[in-house]
N, C-alpha and C. Protein backbone atom coordinates (compact mmCIF):
# COMPACT_ATOMS: atom_id res chain seq x y z
N MET A 1 25.02 -16.29 -15.06
CA MET A 1 24.30 -17.89 -14.67
C MET A 1 22.50 -17.21 -14.12
N ASP A 2 21.56 -18.70 -14.49
CA ASP A 2 20.91 -19.08 -13.64
C ASP A 2 20.35 -19.64 -12.53
N MET A 3 19.58 -18.69 -11.41
CA MET A 3 19.01 -20.08 -10.28
C MET A 3 17.64 -19.91 -10.05
N PRO A 4 17.63 -20.08 -11.25
CA PRO A 4 15.79 -20.21 -11.52
C PRO A 4 15.20 -20.83 -10.05
N TRP A 5 13.88 -20.73 -9.40
CA TRP A 5 13.08 -20.98 -8.65
C TRP A 5 12.66 -22.01 -8.69
N GLY A 6 13.25 -23.36 -7.67
CA GLY A 6 13.05 -24.77 -8.17
C GLY A 6 14.41 -25.49 -7.91
N SER A 7 15.17 -25.04 -8.01
CA SER A 7 16.62 -25.00 -7.92
C SER A 7 17.43 -25.35 -7.17
N GLU A 8 17.85 -27.18 -7.21
CA GLU A 8 18.63 -27.03 -6.40
C GLU A 8 19.50 -26.84 -5.52
N GLU A 9 20.18 -25.73 -6.26
CA GLU A 9 20.85 -24.11 -5.58
C GLU A 9 19.69 -23.03 -5.21
N SER A 10 18.94 -22.89 -5.75
CA SER A 10 18.84 -22.14 -4.85
C SER A 10 17.43 -21.93 -4.28
N TRP A 11 16.77 -23.74 -3.65
CA TRP A 11 15.85 -23.92 -2.51
C TRP A 11 17.45 -24.29 -1.39
N LYS A 12 18.62 -24.25 -1.53
CA LYS A 12 19.37 -24.14 -0.29
C LYS A 12 19.39 -22.87 0.66
N PHE A 13 18.20 -21.60 -0.16
CA PHE A 13 17.87 -20.30 1.09
C PHE A 13 17.47 -20.94 1.86
N ILE A 14 16.82 -20.43 2.86
CA ILE A 14 15.74 -20.29 3.91
C ILE A 14 15.51 -19.12 3.94
N THR A 15 14.07 -18.88 3.78
CA THR A 15 13.57 -17.16 4.29
C THR A 15 12.34 -17.65 4.43
N ASN A 16 11.68 -16.34 5.26
CA ASN A 16 10.44 -16.30 5.87
C ASN A 16 9.26 -16.01 4.87
N VAL A 17 8.09 -15.72 5.06
CA VAL A 17 7.31 -15.11 4.37
C VAL A 17 6.23 -14.07 4.28
N GLY A 18 6.73 -13.26 3.00
CA GLY A 18 6.15 -12.06 3.83
C GLY A 18 4.95 -11.88 3.03
N LEU A 19 3.97 -11.03 3.39
CA LEU A 19 2.39 -11.08 2.76
C LEU A 19 2.64 -9.84 2.33
N ILE A 20 2.68 -9.12 1.32
CA ILE A 20 2.46 -8.12 1.29
C ILE A 20 1.12 -7.16 1.32
N THR A 21 0.61 -6.53 1.61
CA THR A 21 -0.70 -6.01 1.44
C THR A 21 -0.37 -4.75 0.57
N THR A 22 -1.10 -4.15 -0.04
CA THR A 22 -1.37 -2.73 -1.31
C THR A 22 -2.87 -2.78 -1.25
N THR A 23 -3.37 -1.46 -2.01
CA THR A 23 -4.30 -0.51 -2.56
C THR A 23 -3.42 0.02 -3.63
N GLY A 24 -4.31 0.00 -5.00
CA GLY A 24 -4.00 0.97 -5.84
C GLY A 24 -4.51 0.17 -6.70
N PRO A 25 -4.39 0.45 -8.42
CA PRO A 25 -5.20 0.16 -9.14
C PRO A 25 -5.88 -0.99 -9.69
N TYR A 26 -5.65 -1.63 -8.56
CA TYR A 26 -5.78 -3.09 -8.94
C TYR A 26 -6.48 -3.27 -7.18
N GLY A 27 -7.01 -2.29 -6.40
CA GLY A 27 -7.95 -2.21 -5.35
C GLY A 27 -6.55 -3.04 -4.44
N ASN A 28 -7.68 -3.26 -3.44
CA ASN A 28 -6.71 -3.62 -1.61
C ASN A 28 -6.51 -5.60 -2.78
N ASN A 29 -4.79 -5.94 -2.24
CA ASN A 29 -4.47 -7.11 -2.54
C ASN A 29 -3.15 -7.28 -1.88
N ILE A 30 -2.81 -8.70 -2.04
CA ILE A 30 -1.88 -9.78 -0.74
C ILE A 30 -1.13 -10.60 -1.75
N MET A 31 0.42 -10.05 -1.52
CA MET A 31 1.43 -11.07 -2.37
C MET A 31 1.65 -12.05 -1.03
N ALA A 32 1.99 -13.52 -1.68
CA ALA A 32 3.27 -13.84 -0.76
C ALA A 32 5.25 -13.79 -1.25
N ALA A 33 5.31 -12.70 -0.91
CA ALA A 33 6.97 -13.21 -0.96
C ALA A 33 7.59 -13.54 0.34
N GLU A 34 9.06 -14.19 -0.70
CA GLU A 34 9.44 -15.33 0.34
C GLU A 34 10.94 -13.90 0.42
N TRP A 35 10.96 -13.15 -0.73
CA TRP A 35 12.25 -12.09 -0.40
C TRP A 35 11.31 -11.36 0.37
N THR A 36 11.64 -11.03 1.81
CA THR A 36 11.33 -10.14 2.52
C THR A 36 12.10 -10.02 3.88
N HIS A 37 13.33 -8.73 3.60
CA HIS A 37 14.47 -8.33 4.57
C HIS A 37 14.21 -7.30 5.15
N HIS A 38 14.44 -7.04 6.05
CA HIS A 38 15.05 -5.91 7.34
C HIS A 38 16.10 -5.96 6.75
N VAL A 39 16.71 -3.95 6.40
CA VAL A 39 17.79 -3.45 5.84
C VAL A 39 18.56 -3.21 6.26
N SER A 40 17.76 -2.40 7.75
CA SER A 40 18.40 -1.32 7.94
C SER A 40 17.67 -1.19 9.70
N TYR A 41 18.35 -1.24 10.80
CA TYR A 41 17.84 -0.81 12.27
C TYR A 41 16.85 0.35 12.42
N ARG A 42 17.93 1.58 12.18
CA ARG A 42 17.73 3.36 12.23
C ARG A 42 18.28 4.19 10.77
N PRO A 43 16.78 4.32 9.81
CA PRO A 43 15.80 4.06 9.78
C PRO A 43 15.24 2.56 9.82
N GLY A 44 14.25 2.22 10.39
CA GLY A 44 13.38 0.87 10.17
C GLY A 44 13.93 0.73 8.71
N LEU A 45 13.94 0.32 7.39
CA LEU A 45 14.11 -0.30 6.94
C LEU A 45 13.61 -1.98 5.70
N ILE A 46 12.69 -1.87 5.08
CA ILE A 46 12.11 -3.22 4.58
C ILE A 46 12.22 -3.55 3.08
N ALA A 47 12.81 -4.42 3.00
CA ALA A 47 13.56 -4.28 1.32
C ALA A 47 12.14 -5.76 1.01
N VAL A 48 11.46 -6.00 -0.16
CA VAL A 48 10.18 -6.65 -0.85
C VAL A 48 10.88 -6.55 -2.59
N CYS A 49 10.83 -8.03 -3.04
CA CYS A 49 11.07 -7.97 -4.18
C CYS A 49 10.24 -8.54 -4.96
N VAL A 50 10.05 -8.08 -6.10
CA VAL A 50 8.56 -7.95 -6.99
C VAL A 50 8.35 -7.62 -8.25
N ARG A 51 7.91 -9.31 -8.51
CA ARG A 51 8.44 -9.20 -10.21
C ARG A 51 7.59 -7.97 -10.73
N PRO A 52 8.14 -7.66 -12.00
CA PRO A 52 7.13 -6.36 -12.80
C PRO A 52 5.97 -6.66 -13.77
N GLY A 53 4.81 -6.47 -13.27
CA GLY A 53 3.53 -7.21 -14.30
C GLY A 53 2.78 -7.13 -13.20
N LYS A 54 3.32 -7.96 -11.96
CA LYS A 54 2.25 -7.95 -10.92
C LYS A 54 1.78 -7.18 -10.13
N ALA A 55 0.06 -7.31 -9.77
CA ALA A 55 -0.73 -5.90 -9.37
C ALA A 55 -0.09 -5.43 -7.75
N THR A 56 1.05 -6.13 -7.31
CA THR A 56 1.34 -5.87 -5.83
C THR A 56 2.42 -5.20 -6.37
N HIS A 57 3.43 -5.10 -8.04
CA HIS A 57 4.50 -3.86 -8.44
C HIS A 57 3.00 -2.77 -8.39
N GLU A 58 2.56 -2.83 -9.54
CA GLU A 58 1.61 -1.80 -10.13
C GLU A 58 0.95 -0.67 -8.70
N ASN A 59 0.15 -1.01 -7.87
CA ASN A 59 0.13 -0.78 -6.63
C ASN A 59 1.23 -0.02 -5.86
N ILE A 60 2.14 -0.57 -5.77
CA ILE A 60 3.42 -0.06 -5.05
C ILE A 60 3.73 0.18 -5.84
N LYS A 61 4.00 1.20 -7.00
CA LYS A 61 4.77 2.28 -7.87
C LYS A 61 3.66 3.25 -8.03
N LYS A 62 2.09 3.06 -7.78
CA LYS A 62 1.22 4.04 -8.28
C LYS A 62 1.01 4.91 -6.31
N THR A 63 0.69 3.94 -5.50
CA THR A 63 0.81 4.80 -4.54
C THR A 63 2.12 5.14 -3.35
N LYS A 64 2.80 4.26 -3.33
CA LYS A 64 4.54 4.23 -3.17
C LYS A 64 4.68 4.40 -1.53
N GLU A 65 3.98 2.91 -1.19
CA GLU A 65 2.99 2.55 0.32
C GLU A 65 3.08 0.88 -0.09
N PHE A 66 3.43 0.29 1.16
CA PHE A 66 2.71 -1.21 1.19
C PHE A 66 3.40 -1.70 2.70
N GLY A 67 2.15 -2.86 3.19
CA GLY A 67 2.59 -3.23 4.14
C GLY A 67 3.55 -4.47 4.13
N VAL A 68 4.23 -4.90 5.45
CA VAL A 68 4.48 -5.36 5.64
C VAL A 68 4.20 -6.67 7.11
N ASN A 69 3.31 -7.77 6.20
CA ASN A 69 2.76 -9.00 7.43
C ASN A 69 3.83 -9.88 7.37
N LEU A 70 4.25 -10.22 8.12
CA LEU A 70 5.22 -11.47 8.05
C LEU A 70 4.05 -12.87 8.82
N CYS A 71 4.02 -13.74 8.23
CA CYS A 71 3.33 -14.57 7.99
C CYS A 71 3.49 -15.92 9.06
N ALA A 72 3.29 -16.02 10.45
CA ALA A 72 2.94 -16.23 11.58
C ALA A 72 2.82 -18.71 10.96
N THR A 73 3.54 -19.50 12.04
CA THR A 73 2.92 -20.41 11.22
C THR A 73 1.74 -21.14 11.12
N GLY A 74 0.92 -20.65 11.29
CA GLY A 74 -0.84 -20.75 11.73
C GLY A 74 -1.06 -19.97 10.14
N GLN A 75 -1.00 -19.88 9.52
CA GLN A 75 -1.29 -18.98 8.32
C GLN A 75 -0.82 -19.57 7.34
N THR A 76 -0.74 -20.57 6.33
CA THR A 76 0.06 -21.73 5.95
C THR A 76 -0.81 -21.34 4.51
N VAL A 77 -2.50 -21.24 5.39
CA VAL A 77 -3.39 -21.01 3.59
C VAL A 77 -2.91 -19.95 3.32
N ILE A 78 -3.38 -18.49 4.14
CA ILE A 78 -3.42 -16.96 3.52
C ILE A 78 -1.98 -17.12 2.76
N SER A 79 -0.72 -17.92 3.13
CA SER A 79 0.66 -17.93 2.49
C SER A 79 0.26 -17.95 0.48
N SER A 80 -1.00 -19.77 0.85
CA SER A 80 -0.58 -19.92 -0.47
C SER A 80 -1.62 -19.46 -1.52
N ILE A 81 -2.93 -18.99 -0.99
CA ILE A 81 -3.83 -18.10 -1.49
C ILE A 81 -3.29 -16.53 -1.87
N ALA A 82 -1.71 -16.26 -0.94
CA ALA A 82 -1.84 -15.07 -1.40
C ALA A 82 -0.40 -15.44 -2.74
N GLY A 83 0.31 -16.20 -2.59
CA GLY A 83 1.15 -16.89 -3.37
C GLY A 83 1.04 -17.30 -4.66
N ASN A 84 -0.18 -18.22 -4.14
CA ASN A 84 -0.80 -18.80 -5.75
C ASN A 84 -1.88 -18.35 -7.29
N THR A 85 -2.38 -17.17 -6.39
CA THR A 85 -3.13 -16.52 -7.90
C THR A 85 -2.75 -14.90 -7.40
N THR A 86 -3.23 -14.88 -8.85
CA THR A 86 -2.87 -13.54 -9.42
C THR A 86 -3.92 -12.18 -8.82
N GLY A 87 -4.04 -11.15 -8.03
CA GLY A 87 -4.53 -10.03 -8.34
C GLY A 87 -5.48 -9.26 -8.93
N LYS A 88 -4.62 -9.77 -10.42
CA LYS A 88 -5.16 -9.07 -11.36
C LYS A 88 -6.32 -10.02 -12.04
N GLU A 89 -6.68 -10.82 -11.60
CA GLU A 89 -8.00 -11.43 -11.47
C GLU A 89 -8.81 -11.95 -10.54
N VAL A 90 -8.05 -12.08 -9.29
CA VAL A 90 -8.75 -12.57 -7.49
C VAL A 90 -8.59 -11.99 -7.12
N ASP A 91 -10.13 -11.30 -6.44
CA ASP A 91 -9.93 -10.25 -4.94
C ASP A 91 -9.51 -11.59 -3.90
N LYS A 92 -8.01 -11.44 -4.02
CA LYS A 92 -7.72 -12.48 -2.77
C LYS A 92 -7.88 -11.95 -1.79
N ILE A 93 -7.90 -10.63 -1.17
CA ILE A 93 -8.67 -10.76 0.22
C ILE A 93 -9.88 -11.10 0.19
N LYS A 94 -10.51 -10.38 -0.47
CA LYS A 94 -12.15 -10.57 -0.26
C LYS A 94 -12.11 -12.66 -0.47
N VAL A 95 -11.59 -13.23 -1.05
CA VAL A 95 -11.20 -14.77 -0.86
C VAL A 95 -10.82 -14.95 -0.37
N LEU A 96 -10.20 -14.61 1.05
CA LEU A 96 -9.55 -15.09 2.65
C LEU A 96 -10.89 -14.77 3.89
N GLU A 97 -11.94 -13.40 3.38
CA GLU A 97 -12.70 -13.08 4.48
C GLU A 97 -13.45 -14.27 4.49
N GLU A 98 -13.93 -14.26 3.40
CA GLU A 98 -14.61 -15.66 2.92
C GLU A 98 -14.16 -16.62 3.71
N LEU A 99 -12.79 -17.05 3.61
CA LEU A 99 -12.42 -18.36 4.70
C LEU A 99 -12.04 -18.32 5.79
N GLY A 100 -12.70 -16.62 6.33
CA GLY A 100 -12.79 -16.41 7.60
C GLY A 100 -11.76 -15.68 8.04
N PHE A 101 -10.40 -15.52 7.52
CA PHE A 101 -9.19 -14.83 7.78
C PHE A 101 -9.58 -13.19 8.26
N LYS A 102 -9.15 -12.42 8.75
CA LYS A 102 -9.39 -11.23 9.09
C LYS A 102 -8.03 -9.89 8.83
N PHE A 103 -8.48 -8.56 8.17
CA PHE A 103 -8.11 -7.79 7.68
C PHE A 103 -8.12 -6.62 8.49
N TYR A 104 -6.92 -5.63 9.35
CA TYR A 104 -7.01 -4.90 9.71
C TYR A 104 -6.87 -3.64 9.13
N LYS A 105 -7.66 -2.18 9.20
CA LYS A 105 -7.36 -1.36 8.84
C LYS A 105 -5.88 -0.81 9.33
N ALA A 106 -4.79 0.04 8.34
CA ALA A 106 -3.70 0.54 9.17
C ALA A 106 -3.85 1.86 9.16
N LYS A 107 -3.23 1.84 10.19
CA LYS A 107 -3.25 3.58 11.12
C LYS A 107 -2.49 4.42 9.91
N ARG A 108 -1.56 3.91 9.07
CA ARG A 108 -0.90 5.07 8.58
C ARG A 108 -0.45 5.09 7.08
N ILE A 109 -1.12 3.77 6.55
CA ILE A 109 -1.55 3.44 5.26
C ILE A 109 -2.37 3.68 4.83
N LYS A 110 -2.93 3.46 3.35
CA LYS A 110 -4.31 2.64 2.81
C LYS A 110 -3.84 1.06 3.02
N ALA A 111 -3.09 0.50 2.56
CA ALA A 111 -3.08 -0.92 2.88
C ALA A 111 -4.04 -1.78 3.50
N PRO A 112 -4.90 -2.42 3.53
CA PRO A 112 -5.08 -3.27 4.46
C PRO A 112 -4.14 -4.59 5.40
N MET A 113 -4.09 -4.93 6.81
CA MET A 113 -2.89 -5.69 7.19
C MET A 113 -3.76 -6.83 7.67
N VAL A 114 -2.72 -7.48 7.77
CA VAL A 114 -3.29 -9.32 8.37
C VAL A 114 -3.45 -8.93 9.89
N GLU A 115 -4.83 -9.53 10.67
CA GLU A 115 -4.49 -10.52 11.68
C GLU A 115 -3.93 -11.47 11.94
N GLY A 116 -3.17 -11.03 12.93
CA GLY A 116 -2.71 -12.41 13.72
C GLY A 116 -0.90 -12.74 13.12
N ALA A 117 -0.11 -11.89 12.00
CA ALA A 117 0.79 -12.27 11.68
C ALA A 117 1.93 -11.61 12.73
N ALA A 118 2.46 -12.54 12.26
CA ALA A 118 4.34 -12.11 13.67
C ALA A 118 4.69 -11.50 13.74
N LEU A 119 3.94 -10.42 12.13
CA LEU A 119 4.72 -9.26 12.78
C LEU A 119 4.10 -8.44 11.75
N ASN A 120 3.00 -6.90 11.77
CA ASN A 120 2.82 -6.27 10.65
C ASN A 120 3.70 -4.70 11.01
N ALA A 121 4.24 -4.16 9.18
CA ALA A 121 5.24 -2.59 9.39
C ALA A 121 3.94 -2.11 8.30
N GLU A 122 3.84 -0.78 8.63
CA GLU A 122 3.38 -0.06 7.42
C GLU A 122 4.30 0.30 6.66
N CYS A 123 5.06 0.93 5.69
CA CYS A 123 5.90 1.33 4.97
C CYS A 123 5.97 2.59 3.84
N LYS A 124 6.55 3.48 3.88
CA LYS A 124 6.16 3.93 2.97
C LYS A 124 7.70 4.08 2.22
N LEU A 125 7.43 3.93 0.56
CA LEU A 125 8.63 3.62 -0.56
C LEU A 125 9.63 4.79 -0.03
N ILE A 126 10.78 4.68 -0.15
CA ILE A 126 12.03 5.35 0.03
C ILE A 126 12.69 5.43 -1.25
N LYS A 127 13.44 3.66 -2.08
CA LYS A 127 13.82 3.65 -3.49
C LYS A 127 13.20 2.52 -4.08
N GLU A 128 13.20 1.95 -4.67
CA GLU A 128 13.45 1.29 -6.50
C GLU A 128 14.45 0.48 -6.98
N ILE A 129 14.42 -0.60 -6.97
CA ILE A 129 15.68 -0.36 -7.94
C ILE A 129 15.98 -2.13 -8.69
N GLU A 130 15.91 -2.03 -9.59
CA GLU A 130 15.10 -3.24 -10.85
C GLU A 130 16.26 -3.72 -10.14
N LEU A 131 16.70 -5.38 -10.19
CA LEU A 131 17.61 -5.81 -9.86
C LEU A 131 17.19 -7.98 -10.91
N GLY A 132 17.16 -7.72 -11.53
CA GLY A 132 17.50 -9.04 -13.04
C GLY A 132 15.79 -9.08 -12.72
N ASP A 133 15.66 -9.92 -12.75
CA ASP A 133 13.61 -10.04 -13.20
C ASP A 133 12.28 -9.89 -12.27
N HIS A 134 13.25 -9.31 -10.85
CA HIS A 134 12.56 -8.07 -9.73
C HIS A 134 12.74 -6.98 -9.80
N THR A 135 11.96 -6.00 -9.07
CA THR A 135 11.66 -4.99 -8.75
C THR A 135 11.84 -5.10 -6.78
N MET A 136 13.80 -4.40 -6.36
CA MET A 136 13.40 -4.14 -5.06
C MET A 136 12.64 -2.92 -4.49
N PHE A 137 11.57 -3.52 -4.04
CA PHE A 137 11.08 -1.99 -2.88
C PHE A 137 11.75 -1.94 -1.76
N VAL A 138 12.30 -0.62 -1.16
CA VAL A 138 12.37 -0.01 -0.15
C VAL A 138 12.00 1.00 1.00
N GLY A 139 11.20 0.19 2.00
CA GLY A 139 10.20 0.63 1.87
C GLY A 139 10.75 1.29 3.71
N GLU A 140 10.80 2.21 4.28
CA GLU A 140 10.55 2.89 5.87
C GLU A 140 9.77 2.68 6.22
N VAL A 141 10.11 1.77 8.05
CA VAL A 141 8.77 1.44 8.66
C VAL A 141 8.36 2.70 8.85
N ILE A 142 7.09 2.58 9.25
CA ILE A 142 6.88 3.87 9.78
C ILE A 142 5.08 3.75 11.40
N GLU A 143 4.79 2.73 10.79
CA GLU A 143 4.67 1.90 11.64
C GLU A 143 4.72 0.64 12.38
N VAL A 144 5.13 0.09 13.34
CA VAL A 144 5.52 -1.26 13.16
C VAL A 144 4.70 -1.83 14.89
N SER A 145 4.40 -3.25 14.90
CA SER A 145 3.83 -3.49 15.63
C SER A 145 4.48 -5.19 15.50
N ALA A 146 4.71 -6.16 16.67
CA ALA A 146 5.00 -7.96 16.75
C ALA A 146 4.03 -8.44 17.55
N ASN A 147 3.61 -9.58 17.12
CA ASN A 147 2.85 -9.61 17.78
C ASN A 147 3.14 -11.06 17.92
N GLN A 148 2.51 -12.07 18.90
CA GLN A 148 3.11 -13.46 19.35
C GLN A 148 2.83 -14.52 18.47
N GLY A 149 2.34 -14.48 18.09
CA GLY A 149 2.79 -15.44 16.95
C GLY A 149 4.49 -15.91 16.08
N GLU A 150 4.69 -16.78 16.12
CA GLU A 150 6.37 -17.46 15.48
C GLU A 150 6.28 -17.05 14.27
N PRO A 151 7.21 -16.68 13.84
CA PRO A 151 7.48 -16.17 11.65
C PRO A 151 7.10 -17.98 11.39
N LEU A 152 6.91 -17.93 9.99
CA LEU A 152 6.54 -19.09 9.59
C LEU A 152 8.15 -19.18 8.69
N ALA A 153 8.90 -20.73 8.98
CA ALA A 153 10.06 -20.53 7.87
C ALA A 153 9.51 -21.09 6.03
N TYR A 154 10.06 -20.78 5.22
CA TYR A 154 10.50 -21.40 3.93
C TYR A 154 11.52 -21.98 3.05
N ASN A 155 11.51 -23.35 2.37
CA ASN A 155 12.16 -23.97 2.07
C ASN A 155 11.96 -25.43 1.53
N LYS A 156 12.79 -25.54 0.37
CA LYS A 156 12.44 -26.47 -1.13
C LYS A 156 11.23 -25.53 -0.91
N GLY A 157 10.35 -25.14 -1.53
CA GLY A 157 9.03 -25.44 -1.76
C GLY A 157 8.01 -25.36 -0.21
N LYS A 158 8.23 -25.86 0.78
CA LYS A 158 7.75 -26.06 1.99
C LYS A 158 8.16 -25.02 2.91
N TYR A 159 7.11 -25.35 4.11
CA TYR A 159 6.55 -24.86 5.33
C TYR A 159 7.30 -25.29 6.03
N TRP A 160 7.99 -24.71 7.65
CA TRP A 160 8.33 -24.81 8.34
C TRP A 160 9.05 -23.97 9.92
N LYS A 161 8.11 -24.70 10.64
CA LYS A 161 8.14 -24.39 11.88
C LYS A 161 10.10 -23.96 12.59
N LEU A 162 10.15 -23.17 12.74
CA LEU A 162 11.83 -22.92 13.91
C LEU A 162 11.46 -24.36 15.01
N GLY A 163 12.96 -24.93 15.09
CA GLY A 163 12.70 -26.47 15.93
C GLY A 163 14.14 -25.55 16.25
N GLU A 164 15.14 -26.83 17.21
CA GLU A 164 15.80 -27.20 17.08
C GLU A 164 16.79 -25.96 17.59
N ARG A 165 17.60 -25.21 18.23
CA ARG A 165 18.24 -23.54 18.84
C ARG A 165 19.40 -24.49 18.40
N ILE A 166 20.63 -23.87 18.19
CA ILE A 166 21.71 -24.30 17.81
C ILE A 166 22.41 -23.86 18.82
N GLU A 167 23.46 -24.09 19.50
CA GLU A 167 24.21 -22.93 20.31
C GLU A 167 25.47 -22.05 19.84
N LYS A 168 25.81 -21.42 20.05
CA LYS A 168 27.13 -20.40 19.22
C LYS A 168 28.39 -21.57 20.24
N PRO A 169 29.41 -20.81 19.91
CA PRO A 169 30.70 -21.94 20.39
C PRO A 169 31.02 -21.49 21.69
N PRO A 170 31.68 -22.76 22.43
CA PRO A 170 32.07 -22.05 23.62
C PRO A 170 32.79 -21.01 24.09
N GLU A 171 32.74 -20.71 25.48
CA GLU A 171 33.47 -19.44 25.79
C GLU A 171 35.18 -19.90 24.75
N LYS A 172 35.47 -21.36 25.41
CA LYS A 172 36.73 -21.36 24.86
C LYS A 172 37.54 -21.72 23.37
N GLU A 173 36.37 -21.50 22.51
CA GLU A 173 36.41 -21.35 21.05
C GLU A 173 36.05 -20.17 20.95
N LEU A 174 35.01 -19.20 21.56
CA LEU A 174 35.38 -17.44 21.49
C LEU A 174 36.81 -17.02 21.48
N GLU A 175 37.10 -17.53 22.75
CA GLU A 175 38.62 -16.77 22.98
C GLU A 175 39.68 -17.86 22.43
N ARG A 176 39.65 -18.43 21.23
CA ARG A 176 40.65 -19.07 20.80
C ARG A 176 40.40 -18.24 18.97
N ILE A 177 39.46 -17.89 18.87
CA ILE A 177 38.89 -16.76 17.49
C ILE A 177 39.65 -15.35 18.22
N ARG A 178 39.38 -14.62 19.28
CA ARG A 178 39.42 -13.35 19.59
C ARG A 178 41.36 -13.58 19.43
N LYS A 179 41.36 -14.47 20.07
CA LYS A 179 42.71 -14.18 19.76
C LYS A 179 44.32 -14.72 18.38
N ALA A 180 42.80 -15.00 17.65
CA ALA A 180 43.28 -15.05 16.19
C ALA A 180 42.77 -14.00 15.35
N ILE A 181 41.87 -14.07 15.39
CA ILE A 181 41.63 -12.15 15.28
C ILE A 181 43.15 -10.99 15.58
N GLU A 182 43.40 -11.02 16.42
CA GLU A 182 44.42 -10.30 17.19
C GLU A 182 45.58 -10.40 16.36
N LYS A 183 46.42 -11.53 16.31
CA LYS A 183 47.22 -11.85 15.36
C LYS A 183 47.30 -11.14 13.79
N PHE A 184 45.78 -11.82 13.30
CA PHE A 184 45.85 -11.38 12.22
C PHE A 184 44.96 -9.53 11.60
N ARG A 185 44.84 -9.36 12.70
CA ARG A 185 44.65 -7.37 12.83
C ARG A 185 44.91 -6.74 11.92
N LYS A 186 44.72 -6.09 10.88
CA LYS A 186 45.11 -5.33 10.20
C LYS A 186 46.07 -4.24 10.50
């Protein structure tokens, strides 16, 4: 069964917006990827899912590296440009620079990094997995910095800022949960 983009089912997911930066056959490039996931603490691993045939896909396959820049709440323009044009036809980095956005030279990879992102991580490719209509590229984090900006959330084709914090269950309920777990421990 398919779950196409924009379907009621696929829009139940809440994601971040990863700005994936690369260099390679298509030059410096940036792509918005809502499927950007932190998948391991030790070592630090990040997975990004990219559709084959995209400039980012071909750049990563060629160079075996990529940047992950988690979009901050004030970077919706960057995300819109990175996600709505193709690096095969448009130099998105130059467009963004023309509009006043800044990039910086990465310390350990060749791809540019997005200034002001909530998080910047430089990754070396360690695994590539074909999954349905996308390829999951898993990169080991070799340089990382967390910045002041809040991460941008994405749901139902719209951008969101995290709002009200929901409390965890109260201590009385946690105690009830612990007792039930002990009762049914294998």
